[in-house]
Amino acid sequence: MLVYEEVVKTVDIVTLSNRQYCVISNPVESGVVQLGQKKLVKGEKSFFLLPGESLLSGIQNVHVLGEEDALVLRAIEEFEDTLPDKKASKQN
């Protein structure tokens, strides 16, 4: 008996070192594609991208700041913290 199979696409494994990270666009969670969502993956890790997933900006290297270095952050989209307020829970 012959099995009729056809190779549609070869997918390479994504391998991150402990000094690398990547952002997956449209990640698959529990078998469901999360369209428009993003997922941060930090190394050390190896994985395959699932159908529909893609790397947003490829594999990125971690930048380590020195004693005289600083980091300035600016939000590019709105964010609402959904965690309980720590001050309120300490007062109870």
PDB file of N, CA and C in Angstrom:
ATOM      1  N   MET A   1       0.839  -1.185   0.000  1.00  0.00           N
ATOM      2  CA  MET A   1       0.000   0.000   0.000  1.00  0.00           C
ATOM      3  C   MET A   1       0.884   1.248   0.000  1.00  0.00           C
ATOM      4  N   LEU A   2       0.597   2.191  -0.869  1.00  0.00           N
ATOM      5  CA  LEU A   2       1.348   3.434  -0.969  1.00  0.00           C
ATOM      6  C   LEU A   2       0.625   4.558  -0.242  1.00  0.00           C
ATOM      7  N   VAL A   3       1.401   5.389   0.383  1.00  0.00           N
ATOM      8  CA  VAL A   3       0.846   6.570   1.030  1.00  0.00           C
ATOM      9  C   VAL A   3       1.127   7.748   0.111  1.00  0.00           C
ATOM     10  N   TYR A   4       0.075   8.453  -0.238  1.00  0.00           N
ATOM     11  CA  TYR A   4       0.227   9.579  -1.149  1.00  0.00           C
ATOM     12  C   TYR A   4       0.397  10.855  -0.327  1.00  0.00           C
ATOM     13  N   GLU A   5       1.639  11.293  -0.233  1.00  0.00           N
ATOM     14  CA  GLU A   5       1.963  12.495   0.511  1.00  0.00           C
ATOM     15  C   GLU A   5       2.741  13.442  -0.378  1.00  0.00           C
ATOM     16  N   GLU A   6       2.610  14.691  -0.110  1.00  0.00           N
ATOM     17  CA  GLU A   6       3.310  15.706  -0.879  1.00  0.00           C
ATOM     18  C   GLU A   6       3.889  16.724   0.090  1.00  0.00           C
ATOM     19  N   VAL A   7       5.161  17.062  -0.075  1.00  0.00           N
ATOM     20  CA  VAL A   7       5.788  18.089   0.747  1.00  0.00           C
ATOM     21  C   VAL A   7       5.330  19.442   0.220  1.00  0.00           C
ATOM     22  N   VAL A   8       4.625  20.175   1.061  1.00  0.00           N
ATOM     23  CA  VAL A   8       4.093  21.470   0.662  1.00  0.00           C
ATOM     24  C   VAL A   8       5.098  22.566   0.965  1.00  0.00           C
ATOM     25  N   LYS A   9       5.734  22.467   2.161  1.00  0.00           N
ATOM     26  CA  LYS A   9       6.669  23.497   2.574  1.00  0.00           C
ATOM     27  C   LYS A   9       7.624  22.920   3.610  1.00  0.00           C
ATOM     28  N   THR A  10       8.871  23.316   3.546  1.00  0.00           N
ATOM     29  CA  THR A  10       9.845  22.943   4.565  1.00  0.00           C
ATOM     30  C   THR A  10       9.969  24.110   5.532  1.00  0.00           C
ATOM     31  N   VAL A  11       9.809  23.811   6.832  1.00  0.00           N
ATOM     32  CA  VAL A  11       9.853  24.853   7.856  1.00  0.00           C
ATOM     33  C   VAL A  11      11.091  24.639   8.710  1.00  0.00           C
ATOM     34  N   ASP A  12      11.895  25.693   8.858  1.00  0.00           N
ATOM     35  CA  ASP A  12      13.098  25.619   9.688  1.00  0.00           C
ATOM     36  C   ASP A  12      12.741  25.841  11.149  1.00  0.00           C
ATOM     37  N   ILE A  13      13.519  25.241  12.018  1.00  0.00           N
ATOM     38  CA  ILE A  13      13.325  25.424  13.450  1.00  0.00           C
ATOM     39  C   ILE A  13      13.878  26.790  13.856  1.00  0.00           C
ATOM     40  N   VAL A  14      13.205  27.449  14.796  1.00  0.00           N
ATOM     41  CA  VAL A  14      13.670  28.725  15.348  1.00  0.00           C
ATOM     42  C   VAL A  14      14.413  28.395  16.632  1.00  0.00           C
ATOM     43  N   THR A  15      15.675  28.776  16.718  1.00  0.00           N
ATOM     44  CA  THR A  15      16.489  28.497  17.901  1.00  0.00           C
ATOM     45  C   THR A  15      16.996  29.809  18.474  1.00  0.00           C
ATOM     46  N   LEU A  16      16.691  30.027  19.757  1.00  0.00           N
ATOM     47  CA  LEU A  16      17.111  31.238  20.453  1.00  0.00           C
ATOM     48  C   LEU A  16      18.146  30.881  21.504  1.00  0.00           C
ATOM     49  N   SER A  17      19.212  31.666  21.589  1.00  0.00           N
ATOM     50  CA  SER A  17      20.186  31.484  22.670  1.00  0.00           C
ATOM     51  C   SER A  17      19.658  32.220  23.904  1.00  0.00           C
ATOM     52  N   ASN A  18      20.383  32.130  25.010  1.00  0.00           N
ATOM     53  CA  ASN A  18      19.940  32.806  26.231  1.00  0.00           C
ATOM     54  C   ASN A  18      20.068  34.330  26.126  1.00  0.00           C
ATOM     55  N   ARG A  19      20.652  34.831  25.060  1.00  0.00           N
ATOM     56  CA  ARG A  19      20.808  36.275  24.835  1.00  0.00           C
ATOM     57  C   ARG A  19      19.967  36.761  23.654  1.00  0.00           C
ATOM     58  N   GLN A  20      18.912  36.001  23.306  1.00  0.00           N
ATOM     59  CA  GLN A  20      18.069  36.367  22.171  1.00  0.00           C
ATOM     60  C   GLN A  20      16.591  36.274  22.546  1.00  0.00           C
ATOM     61  N   TYR A  21      15.770  36.960  21.746  1.00  0.00           N
ATOM     62  CA  TYR A  21      14.320  36.892  21.897  1.00  0.00           C
ATOM     63  C   TYR A  21      13.675  37.141  20.546  1.00  0.00           C
ATOM     64  N   CYS A  22      12.371  36.886  20.460  1.00  0.00           N
ATOM     65  CA  CYS A  22      11.625  37.198  19.249  1.00  0.00           C
ATOM     66  C   CYS A  22      10.180  37.477  19.622  1.00  0.00           C
ATOM     67  N   VAL A  23       9.451  38.093  18.705  1.00  0.00           N
ATOM     68  CA  VAL A  23       8.033  38.369  18.894  1.00  0.00           C
ATOM     69  C   VAL A  23       7.283  37.636  17.788  1.00  0.00           C
ATOM     70  N   ILE A  24       6.327  36.780  18.192  1.00  0.00           N
ATOM     71  CA  ILE A  24       5.523  36.029  17.232  1.00  0.00           C
ATOM     72  C   ILE A  24       4.237  36.795  16.981  1.00  0.00           C
ATOM     73  N   SER A  25       3.943  37.048  15.711  1.00  0.00           N
ATOM     74  CA  SER A  25       2.716  37.699  15.310  1.00  0.00           C
ATOM     75  C   SER A  25       1.669  36.634  15.004  1.00  0.00           C
ATOM     76  N   ASN A  26       0.434  36.851  15.421  1.00  0.00           N
ATOM     77  CA  ASN A  26      -0.675  35.902  15.248  1.00  0.00           C
ATOM     78  C   ASN A  26      -0.362  34.536  15.865  1.00  0.00           C
ATOM     79  N   PRO A  27      -0.010  34.503  17.162  1.00  0.00           N
ATOM     80  CA  PRO A  27       0.358  33.228  17.786  1.00  0.00           C
ATOM     81  C   PRO A  27      -0.825  32.274  17.881  1.00  0.00           C
ATOM     82  N   VAL A  28      -0.525  30.983  17.898  1.00  0.00           N
ATOM     83  CA  VAL A  28      -1.537  29.945  18.065  1.00  0.00           C
ATOM     84  C   VAL A  28      -1.535  29.529  19.530  1.00  0.00           C
ATOM     85  N   GLU A  29      -2.676  29.687  20.206  1.00  0.00           N
ATOM     86  CA  GLU A  29      -2.832  29.303  21.607  1.00  0.00           C
ATOM     87  C   GLU A  29      -3.957  28.285  21.694  1.00  0.00           C
ATOM     88  N   SER A  30      -3.670  27.108  22.214  1.00  0.00           N
ATOM     89  CA  SER A  30      -4.662  26.028  22.363  1.00  0.00           C
ATOM     90  C   SER A  30      -5.335  25.698  21.033  1.00  0.00           C
ATOM     91  N   GLY A  31      -4.551  25.737  19.957  1.00  0.00           N
ATOM     92  CA  GLY A  31      -5.060  25.376  18.636  1.00  0.00           C
ATOM     93  C   GLY A  31      -5.831  26.472  17.927  1.00  0.00           C
ATOM     94  N   VAL A  32      -5.917  27.673  18.527  1.00  0.00           N
ATOM     95  CA  VAL A  32      -6.673  28.778  17.930  1.00  0.00           C
ATOM     96  C   VAL A  32      -5.710  29.920  17.606  1.00  0.00           C
ATOM     97  N   VAL A  33      -5.788  30.405  16.362  1.00  0.00           N
ATOM     98  CA  VAL A  33      -4.939  31.525  15.949  1.00  0.00           C
ATOM     99  C   VAL A  33      -5.466  32.805  16.594  1.00  0.00           C
ATOM    100  N   GLN A  34      -4.585  33.533  17.266  1.00  0.00           N
ATOM    101  CA  GLN A  34      -4.929  34.798  17.923  1.00  0.00           C
ATOM    102  C   GLN A  34      -4.564  35.941  16.971  1.00  0.00           C
ATOM    103  N   LEU A  35      -5.438  36.210  16.008  1.00  0.00           N
ATOM    104  CA  LEU A  35      -5.158  37.228  14.989  1.00  0.00           C
ATOM    105  C   LEU A  35      -4.956  38.598  15.616  1.00  0.00           C
ATOM    106  N   GLY A  36      -3.911  39.270  15.193  1.00  0.00           N
ATOM    107  CA  GLY A  36      -3.608  40.609  15.678  1.00  0.00           C
ATOM    108  C   GLY A  36      -2.864  40.650  17.005  1.00  0.00           C
ATOM    109  N   GLN A  37      -2.681  39.507  17.643  1.00  0.00           N
ATOM    110  CA  GLN A  37      -1.978  39.453  18.922  1.00  0.00           C
ATOM    111  C   GLN A  37      -0.484  39.254  18.691  1.00  0.00           C
ATOM    112  N   LYS A  38       0.292  39.464  19.748  1.00  0.00           N
ATOM    113  CA  LYS A  38       1.741  39.247  19.696  1.00  0.00           C
ATOM    114  C   LYS A  38       2.153  38.454  20.920  1.00  0.00           C
ATOM    115  N   LYS A  39       3.200  37.654  20.776  1.00  0.00           N
ATOM    116  CA  LYS A  39       3.696  36.846  21.889  1.00  0.00           C
ATOM    117  C   LYS A  39       5.216  36.975  21.947  1.00  0.00           C
ATOM    118  N   LEU A  40       5.723  37.343  23.120  1.00  0.00           N
ATOM    119  CA  LEU A  40       7.158  37.465  23.332  1.00  0.00           C
ATOM    120  C   LEU A  40       7.714  36.105  23.735  1.00  0.00           C
ATOM    121  N   VAL A  41       8.767  35.668  23.050  1.00  0.00           N
ATOM    122  CA  VAL A  41       9.434  34.398  23.370  1.00  0.00           C
ATOM    123  C   VAL A  41      10.891  34.708  23.677  1.00  0.00           C
ATOM    124  N   LYS A  42      11.327  34.314  24.876  1.00  0.00           N
ATOM    125  CA  LYS A  42      12.705  34.559  25.301  1.00  0.00           C
ATOM    126  C   LYS A  42      13.480  33.251  25.262  1.00  0.00           C
ATOM    127  N   GLY A  43      14.786  33.349  24.876  1.00  0.00           N
ATOM    128  CA  GLY A  43      15.635  32.160  24.825  1.00  0.00           C
ATOM    129  C   GLY A  43      16.070  31.782  26.220  1.00  0.00           C
ATOM    130  N   GLU A  44      16.520  30.688  26.354  1.00  0.00           N
ATOM    131  CA  GLU A  44      17.064  29.651  25.503  1.00  0.00           C
ATOM    132  C   GLU A  44      15.931  28.703  25.138  1.00  0.00           C
ATOM    133  N   LYS A  45      15.616  28.597  23.838  1.00  0.00           N
ATOM    134  CA  LYS A  45      14.453  27.836  23.408  1.00  0.00           C
ATOM    135  C   LYS A  45      14.571  27.506  21.920  1.00  0.00           C
ATOM    136  N   SER A  46      13.992  26.380  21.542  1.00  0.00           N
ATOM    137  CA  SER A  46      13.874  25.992  20.140  1.00  0.00           C
ATOM    138  C   SER A  46      12.423  25.616  19.881  1.00  0.00           C
ATOM    139  N   PHE A  47      11.867  26.077  18.766  1.00  0.00           N
ATOM    140  CA  PHE A  47      10.472  25.793  18.447  1.00  0.00           C
ATOM    141  C   PHE A  47      10.228  25.974  16.953  1.00  0.00           C
ATOM    142  N   PHE A  48       9.116  25.432  16.478  1.00  0.00           N
ATOM    143  CA  PHE A  48       8.688  25.619  15.101  1.00  0.00           C
ATOM    144  C   PHE A  48       7.534  26.605  15.086  1.00  0.00           C
ATOM    145  N   LEU A  49       7.502  27.471  14.096  1.00  0.00           N
ATOM    146  CA  LEU A  49       6.349  28.342  13.909  1.00  0.00           C
ATOM    147  C   LEU A  49       5.200  27.504  13.374  1.00  0.00           C
ATOM    148  N   LEU A  50       4.019  27.703  13.918  1.00  0.00           N
ATOM    149  CA  LEU A  50       2.828  26.994  13.470  1.00  0.00           C
ATOM    150  C   LEU A  50       2.207  27.735  12.292  1.00  0.00           C
ATOM    151  N   PRO A  51       1.349  27.068  11.522  1.00  0.00           N
ATOM    152  CA  PRO A  51       0.707  27.747  10.382  1.00  0.00           C
ATOM    153  C   PRO A  51      -0.010  29.022  10.828  1.00  0.00           C
ATOM    154  N   GLY A  52       0.259  30.108  10.128  1.00  0.00           N
ATOM    155  CA  GLY A  52      -0.336  31.403  10.436  1.00  0.00           C
ATOM    156  C   GLY A  52       0.558  32.293  11.282  1.00  0.00           C
ATOM    157  N   GLU A  53       1.533  31.704  11.971  1.00  0.00           N
ATOM    158  CA  GLU A  53       2.444  32.484  12.806  1.00  0.00           C
ATOM    159  C   GLU A  53       3.596  33.035  11.961  1.00  0.00           C
ATOM    160  N   SER A  54       4.145  34.158  12.416  1.00  0.00           N
ATOM    161  CA  SER A  54       5.334  34.706  11.768  1.00  0.00           C
ATOM    162  C   SER A  54       6.129  35.496  12.804  1.00  0.00           C
ATOM    163  N   LEU A  55       7.435  35.657  12.536  1.00  0.00           N
ATOM    164  CA  LEU A  55       8.281  36.457  13.421  1.00  0.00           C
ATOM    165  C   LEU A  55       8.136  37.915  13.008  1.00  0.00           C
ATOM    166  N   LEU A  56       7.832  38.762  13.980  1.00  0.00           N
ATOM    167  CA  LEU A  56       7.569  40.167  13.687  1.00  0.00           C
ATOM    168  C   LEU A  56       8.808  40.885  13.149  1.00  0.00           C
ATOM    169  N   SER A  57       9.934  40.771  13.836  1.00  0.00           N
ATOM    170  CA  SER A  57      11.163  41.438  13.396  1.00  0.00           C
ATOM    171  C   SER A  57      12.342  40.482  13.397  1.00  0.00           C
ATOM    172  N   GLY A  58      12.084  39.213  13.238  1.00  0.00           N
ATOM    173  CA  GLY A  58      13.153  38.223  13.249  1.00  0.00           C
ATOM    174  C   GLY A  58      13.664  37.991  14.665  1.00  0.00           C
ATOM    175  N   ILE A  59      14.800  37.358  14.770  1.00  0.00           N
ATOM    176  CA  ILE A  59      15.426  37.082  16.059  1.00  0.00           C
ATOM    177  C   ILE A  59      16.243  38.299  16.462  1.00  0.00           C
ATOM    178  N   GLN A  60      16.011  38.787  17.674  1.00  0.00           N
ATOM    179  CA  GLN A  60      16.670  39.981  18.184  1.00  0.00           C
ATOM    180  C   GLN A  60      17.649  39.608  19.287  1.00  0.00           C
ATOM    181  N   ASN A  61      18.737  40.369  19.399  1.00  0.00           N
ATOM    182  CA  ASN A  61      19.709  40.168  20.468  1.00  0.00           C
ATOM    183  C   ASN A  61      19.367  41.047  21.663  1.00  0.00           C
ATOM    184  N   VAL A  62      19.606  40.523  22.850  1.00  0.00           N
ATOM    185  CA  VAL A  62      19.387  41.267  24.092  1.00  0.00           C
ATOM    186  C   VAL A  62      20.506  42.299  24.234  1.00  0.00           C
ATOM    187  N   HIS A  63      20.152  43.494  24.676  1.00  0.00           N
ATOM    188  CA  HIS A  63      21.151  44.528  24.928  1.00  0.00           C
ATOM    189  C   HIS A  63      21.364  44.627  26.435  1.00  0.00           C
ATOM    190  N   VAL A  64      22.589  44.482  26.871  1.00  0.00           N
ATOM    191  CA  VAL A  64      22.920  44.560  28.292  1.00  0.00           C
ATOM    192  C   VAL A  64      23.466  45.958  28.571  1.00  0.00           C
ATOM    193  N   LEU A  65      22.849  46.647  29.544  1.00  0.00           N
ATOM    194  CA  LEU A  65      23.279  47.992  29.883  1.00  0.00           C
ATOM    195  C   LEU A  65      24.432  47.964  30.868  1.00  0.00           C
ATOM    196  N   GLY A  66      25.371  48.866  30.691  1.00  0.00           N
ATOM    197  CA  GLY A  66      26.492  49.007  31.615  1.00  0.00           C
ATOM    198  C   GLY A  66      26.141  49.973  32.735  1.00  0.00           C
ATOM    199  N   GLU A  67      27.085  50.215  33.613  1.00  0.00           N
ATOM    200  CA  GLU A  67      26.865  51.101  34.762  1.00  0.00           C
ATOM    201  C   GLU A  67      26.495  52.520  34.346  1.00  0.00           C
ATOM    202  N   GLU A  68      27.075  53.007  33.282  1.00  0.00           N
ATOM    203  CA  GLU A  68      26.849  54.381  32.845  1.00  0.00           C
ATOM    204  C   GLU A  68      25.754  54.499  31.786  1.00  0.00           C
ATOM    205  N   ASP A  69      25.073  53.397  31.461  1.00  0.00           N
ATOM    206  CA  ASP A  69      24.035  53.404  30.435  1.00  0.00           C
ATOM    207  C   ASP A  69      22.665  53.620  31.065  1.00  0.00           C
ATOM    208  N   ALA A  70      21.728  54.119  30.266  1.00  0.00           N
ATOM    209  CA  ALA A  70      20.351  54.326  30.713  1.00  0.00           C
ATOM    210  C   ALA A  70      19.412  53.901  29.593  1.00  0.00           C
ATOM    211  N   LEU A  71      18.164  53.728  29.950  1.00  0.00           N
ATOM    212  CA  LEU A  71      17.158  53.306  28.986  1.00  0.00           C
ATOM    213  C   LEU A  71      15.945  54.214  29.120  1.00  0.00           C
ATOM    214  N   VAL A  72      15.518  54.828  28.014  1.00  0.00           N
ATOM    215  CA  VAL A  72      14.336  55.684  28.008  1.00  0.00           C
ATOM    216  C   VAL A  72      13.256  54.939  27.238  1.00  0.00           C
ATOM    217  N   LEU A  73      12.091  54.765  27.860  1.00  0.00           N
ATOM    218  CA  LEU A  73      10.987  54.039  27.241  1.00  0.00           C
ATOM    219  C   LEU A  73       9.845  54.986  26.912  1.00  0.00           C
ATOM    220  N   ARG A  74       9.161  54.697  25.803  1.00  0.00           N
ATOM    221  CA  ARG A  74       7.979  55.447  25.417  1.00  0.00           C
ATOM    222  C   ARG A  74       6.955  54.466  24.876  1.00  0.00           C
ATOM    223  N   ALA A  75       5.725  54.539  25.365  1.00  0.00           N
ATOM    224  CA  ALA A  75       4.668  53.635  24.927  1.00  0.00           C
ATOM    225  C   ALA A  75       4.280  53.938  23.481  1.00  0.00           C
ATOM    226  N   ILE A  76       4.038  52.887  22.708  1.00  0.00           N
ATOM    227  CA  ILE A  76       3.597  53.067  21.323  1.00  0.00           C
ATOM    228  C   ILE A  76       2.127  52.678  21.156  1.00  0.00           C
ATOM    229  N   GLU A  77       1.533  52.095  22.218  1.00  0.00           N
ATOM    230  CA  GLU A  77       0.111  51.798  22.201  1.00  0.00           C
ATOM    231  C   GLU A  77      -0.412  51.823  23.635  1.00  0.00           C
ATOM    232  N   GLU A  78      -1.711  51.992  23.802  1.00  0.00           N
ATOM    233  CA  GLU A  78      -2.304  52.085  25.130  1.00  0.00           C
ATOM    234  C   GLU A  78      -2.201  50.760  25.864  1.00  0.00           C
ATOM    235  N   PHE A  79      -2.110  50.857  27.193  1.00  0.00           N
ATOM    236  CA  PHE A  79      -2.046  49.667  28.027  1.00  0.00           C
ATOM    237  C   PHE A  79      -2.765  49.955  29.338  1.00  0.00           C
ATOM    238  N   GLU A  80      -3.613  49.017  29.763  1.00  0.00           N
ATOM    239  CA  GLU A  80      -4.294  49.151  31.047  1.00  0.00           C
ATOM    240  C   GLU A  80      -3.880  47.976  31.922  1.00  0.00           C
ATOM    241  N   ASP A  81      -3.313  48.268  33.086  1.00  0.00           N
ATOM    242  CA  ASP A  81      -2.855  47.232  33.996  1.00  0.00           C
ATOM    243  C   ASP A  81      -4.059  46.562  34.647  1.00  0.00           C
ATOM    244  N   THR A  82      -4.146  45.241  34.523  1.00  0.00           N
ATOM    245  CA  THR A  82      -5.283  44.507  35.069  1.00  0.00           C
ATOM    246  C   THR A  82      -4.945  43.800  36.365  1.00  0.00           C
ATOM    247  N   LEU A  83      -3.723  43.963  36.851  1.00  0.00           N
ATOM    248  CA  LEU A  83      -3.330  43.348  38.109  1.00  0.00           C
ATOM    249  C   LEU A  83      -3.876  44.180  39.264  1.00  0.00           C
ATOM    250  N   PRO A  84      -4.195  43.523  40.397  1.00  0.00           N
ATOM    251  CA  PRO A  84      -4.689  44.294  41.542  1.00  0.00           C
ATOM    252  C   PRO A  84      -3.653  45.267  42.057  1.00  0.00           C
ATOM    253  N   ASP A  85      -4.112  46.379  42.576  1.00  0.00           N
ATOM    254  CA  ASP A  85      -3.225  47.411  43.117  1.00  0.00           C
ATOM    255  C   ASP A  85      -2.544  46.874  44.377  1.00  0.00           C
ATOM    256  N   LYS A  86      -1.219  46.888  44.416  1.00  0.00           N
ATOM    257  CA  LYS A  86      -0.466  46.359  45.554  1.00  0.00           C
ATOM    258  C   LYS A  86      -0.694  47.184  46.811  1.00  0.00           C
ATOM    259  N   LYS A  87      -0.844  48.508  46.692  1.00  0.00           N
ATOM    260  CA  LYS A  87      -1.055  49.366  47.854  1.00  0.00           C
ATOM    261  C   LYS A  87      -2.388  49.044  48.532  1.00  0.00           C
ATOM    262  N   ALA A  88      -3.436  48.820  47.726  1.00  0.00           N
ATOM    263  CA  ALA A  88      -4.753  48.531  48.274  1.00  0.00           C
ATOM    264  C   ALA A  88      -4.764  47.192  49.004  1.00  0.00           C
ATOM    265  N   SER A  89      -4.053  46.197  48.464  1.00  0.00           N
ATOM    266  CA  SER A  89      -4.037  44.876  49.099  1.00  0.00           C
ATOM    267  C   SER A  89      -3.217  44.874  50.386  1.00  0.00           C
ATOM    268  N   LYS A  90      -2.221  45.764  50.524  1.00  0.00           N
ATOM    269  CA  LYS A  90      -1.423  45.840  51.748  1.00  0.00           C
ATOM    270  C   LYS A  90      -2.225  46.477  52.888  1.00  0.00           C
ATOM    271  N   GLN A  91      -3.164  47.374  52.548  1.00  0.00           N
ATOM    272  CA  GLN A  91      -3.944  48.059  53.562  1.00  0.00           C
ATOM    273  C   GLN A  91      -5.012  47.160  54.168  1.00  0.00           C
ATOM    274  N   ASN A  92      -5.455  46.134  53.453  1.00  0.00           N
ATOM    275  CA  ASN A  92      -6.523  45.247  53.936  1.00  0.00           C
ATOM    276  C   ASN A  92      -6.048  44.306  54.984  1.00  0.00           C
TER     277      ASN A  92
END
